[in-house]
């Protein structure tokens, strides 16, 4: 989760797409030059251990959209795919 947030903050579309499950990822990501991701709070996690096939992350991501502050609250599902953890979908 933290690496994906950093990738959004740094506009690293290739990394974001590589860490997104192929069943749910978009074909393209369009960056928004007015969007700036500034802070991540991980509020809760479930699963995600060596013995799990999936897990969740509840987070709060702070951003500025053309200078206006905002917050995205989400609970995300992550799954193992090809021996790597990838983002699957919001819950």
C-alpha atoms as a PDB file:
ATOM      1  CA  UNK A   1       0.000   0.000   0.000  1.00  0.00           C
ATOM      2  CA  UNK A   2       2.708   2.458   0.931  1.00  0.00           C
ATOM      3  CA  UNK A   3       4.681   1.786  -2.249  1.00  0.00           C
ATOM      4  CA  UNK A   4       1.565   2.302  -4.378  1.00  0.00           C
ATOM      5  CA  UNK A   5       0.798   5.583  -2.613  1.00  0.00           C
ATOM      6  CA  UNK A   6       4.374   6.717  -3.278  1.00  0.00           C
ATOM      7  CA  UNK A   7       3.970   5.718  -6.922  1.00  0.00           C
ATOM      8  CA  UNK A   8       0.799   7.814  -7.174  1.00  0.00           C
ATOM      9  CA  UNK A   9       2.591  10.738  -5.497  1.00  0.00           C
ATOM     10  CA  UNK A  10       5.512  10.440  -7.933  1.00  0.00           C
ATOM     11  CA  UNK A  11       3.278   9.735 -10.952  1.00  0.00           C
ATOM     12  CA  UNK A  12       4.863   6.327 -11.644  1.00  0.00           C
ATOM     13  CA  UNK A  13       2.091   4.846 -13.784  1.00  0.00           C
ATOM     14  CA  UNK A  14       4.108   1.784 -14.838  1.00  0.00           C
ATOM     15  CA  UNK A  15       4.609   0.736 -11.208  1.00  0.00           C
ATOM     16  CA  UNK A  16       0.962   1.340 -10.341  1.00  0.00           C
ATOM     17  CA  UNK A  17      -0.188  -0.842 -13.245  1.00  0.00           C
ATOM     18  CA  UNK A  18       2.352  -3.594 -12.397  1.00  0.00           C
ATOM     19  CA  UNK A  19       1.012  -3.762  -8.842  1.00  0.00           C
ATOM     20  CA  UNK A  20      -2.649  -3.931  -9.932  1.00  0.00           C
ATOM     21  CA  UNK A  21      -4.359  -7.294 -10.487  1.00  0.00           C
ATOM     22  CA  UNK A  22      -4.779  -7.967 -14.231  1.00  0.00           C
ATOM     23  CA  UNK A  23      -8.503  -8.749 -13.801  1.00  0.00           C
ATOM     24  CA  UNK A  24      -9.285  -5.274 -12.451  1.00  0.00           C
ATOM     25  CA  UNK A  25      -6.560  -2.914 -13.692  1.00  0.00           C
ATOM     26  CA  UNK A  26      -7.324  -0.338 -16.364  1.00  0.00           C
ATOM     27  CA  UNK A  27      -5.512  -0.428 -19.695  1.00  0.00           C
ATOM     28  CA  UNK A  28      -4.111   3.071 -19.106  1.00  0.00           C
ATOM     29  CA  UNK A  29      -3.698   5.540 -16.294  1.00  0.00           C
ATOM     30  CA  UNK A  30      -4.004   9.202 -17.079  1.00  0.00           C
ATOM     31  CA  UNK A  31      -2.158  11.488 -14.733  1.00  0.00           C
ATOM     32  CA  UNK A  32      -3.802  14.659 -13.514  1.00  0.00           C
ATOM     33  CA  UNK A  33      -1.248  17.482 -13.287  1.00  0.00           C
ATOM     34  CA  UNK A  34      -3.431  19.280 -10.722  1.00  0.00           C
ATOM     35  CA  UNK A  35      -3.557  16.302  -8.341  1.00  0.00           C
ATOM     36  CA  UNK A  36      -0.887  16.022  -5.657  1.00  0.00           C
ATOM     37  CA  UNK A  37      -0.930  13.151  -3.152  1.00  0.00           C
ATOM     38  CA  UNK A  38       0.593  14.423   0.086  1.00  0.00           C
ATOM     39  CA  UNK A  39       0.083  11.977   2.980  1.00  0.00           C
ATOM     40  CA  UNK A  40      -1.034   8.427   3.698  1.00  0.00           C
ATOM     41  CA  UNK A  41      -2.494   7.070   6.920  1.00  0.00           C
ATOM     42  CA  UNK A  42      -2.856   3.293   7.173  1.00  0.00           C
ATOM     43  CA  UNK A  43      -5.733   2.827   9.597  1.00  0.00           C
ATOM     44  CA  UNK A  44      -6.147  -0.964   9.679  1.00  0.00           C
ATOM     45  CA  UNK A  45      -4.870  -4.109   7.979  1.00  0.00           C
ATOM     46  CA  UNK A  46      -6.143  -7.668   7.898  1.00  0.00           C
ATOM     47  CA  UNK A  47      -4.444 -10.742   6.469  1.00  0.00           C
ATOM     48  CA  UNK A  48      -1.449 -10.187   4.265  1.00  0.00           C
ATOM     49  CA  UNK A  49       0.883 -12.586   6.058  1.00  0.00           C
ATOM     50  CA  UNK A  50       2.986 -15.359   4.530  1.00  0.00           C
ATOM     51  CA  UNK A  51       0.090 -17.739   5.159  1.00  0.00           C
ATOM     52  CA  UNK A  52      -2.620 -15.588   3.554  1.00  0.00           C
ATOM     53  CA  UNK A  53      -3.800 -15.375  -0.041  1.00  0.00           C
ATOM     54  CA  UNK A  54      -5.440 -11.998   0.472  1.00  0.00           C
ATOM     55  CA  UNK A  55      -5.647  -9.071   2.825  1.00  0.00           C
ATOM     56  CA  UNK A  56      -7.192  -5.676   3.256  1.00  0.00           C
ATOM     57  CA  UNK A  57      -5.862  -2.220   3.981  1.00  0.00           C
ATOM     58  CA  UNK A  58      -8.058   0.566   5.293  1.00  0.00           C
ATOM     59  CA  UNK A  59      -6.422   3.904   4.630  1.00  0.00           C
ATOM     60  CA  UNK A  60      -6.868   7.638   4.393  1.00  0.00           C
ATOM     61  CA  UNK A  61      -4.979   9.392   1.585  1.00  0.00           C
ATOM     62  CA  UNK A  62      -4.629  13.167   1.719  1.00  0.00           C
ATOM     63  CA  UNK A  63      -4.336  15.110  -1.514  1.00  0.00           C
ATOM     64  CA  UNK A  64      -4.518  18.536  -3.076  1.00  0.00           C
ATOM     65  CA  UNK A  65      -6.589  18.939  -6.216  1.00  0.00           C
ATOM     66  CA  UNK A  66      -5.495  22.158  -7.903  1.00  0.00           C
ATOM     67  CA  UNK A  67      -4.601  23.475  -4.451  1.00  0.00           C
ATOM     68  CA  UNK A  68      -7.822  22.408  -2.735  1.00  0.00           C
ATOM     69  CA  UNK A  69      -7.233  19.850   0.043  1.00  0.00           C
ATOM     70  CA  UNK A  70      -9.142  16.595   0.064  1.00  0.00           C
ATOM     71  CA  UNK A  71      -9.177  13.137   1.598  1.00  0.00           C
ATOM     72  CA  UNK A  72      -9.814   9.703   0.104  1.00  0.00           C
ATOM     73  CA  UNK A  73     -10.939   7.028   2.592  1.00  0.00           C
ATOM     74  CA  UNK A  74     -10.900   3.472   1.274  1.00  0.00           C
ATOM     75  CA  UNK A  75     -10.710  -0.157   2.290  1.00  0.00           C
ATOM     76  CA  UNK A  76      -8.751  -1.996  -0.398  1.00  0.00           C
ATOM     77  CA  UNK A  77      -8.434  -5.678  -1.174  1.00  0.00           C
ATOM     78  CA  UNK A  78      -4.990  -7.072  -2.001  1.00  0.00           C
ATOM     79  CA  UNK A  79      -4.364 -10.597  -3.291  1.00  0.00           C
ATOM     80  CA  UNK A  80      -1.382 -12.751  -4.161  1.00  0.00           C
ATOM     81  CA  UNK A  81      -0.837 -13.025  -7.893  1.00  0.00           C
ATOM     82  CA  UNK A  82       2.232 -14.747  -9.342  1.00  0.00           C
ATOM     83  CA  UNK A  83       3.787 -14.801  -5.848  1.00  0.00           C
ATOM     84  CA  UNK A  84       3.415 -10.992  -5.429  1.00  0.00           C
ATOM     85  CA  UNK A  85       0.932  -8.881  -3.527  1.00  0.00           C
ATOM     86  CA  UNK A  86      -1.190  -6.786  -5.892  1.00  0.00           C
ATOM     87  CA  UNK A  87      -4.085  -4.382  -5.480  1.00  0.00           C
ATOM     88  CA  UNK A  88      -7.371  -5.976  -6.506  1.00  0.00           C
ATOM     89  CA  UNK A  89     -10.260  -3.629  -5.747  1.00  0.00           C
ATOM     90  CA  UNK A  90     -11.946  -1.380  -3.231  1.00  0.00           C
ATOM     91  CA  UNK A  91     -14.282  -3.105  -0.805  1.00  0.00           C
END
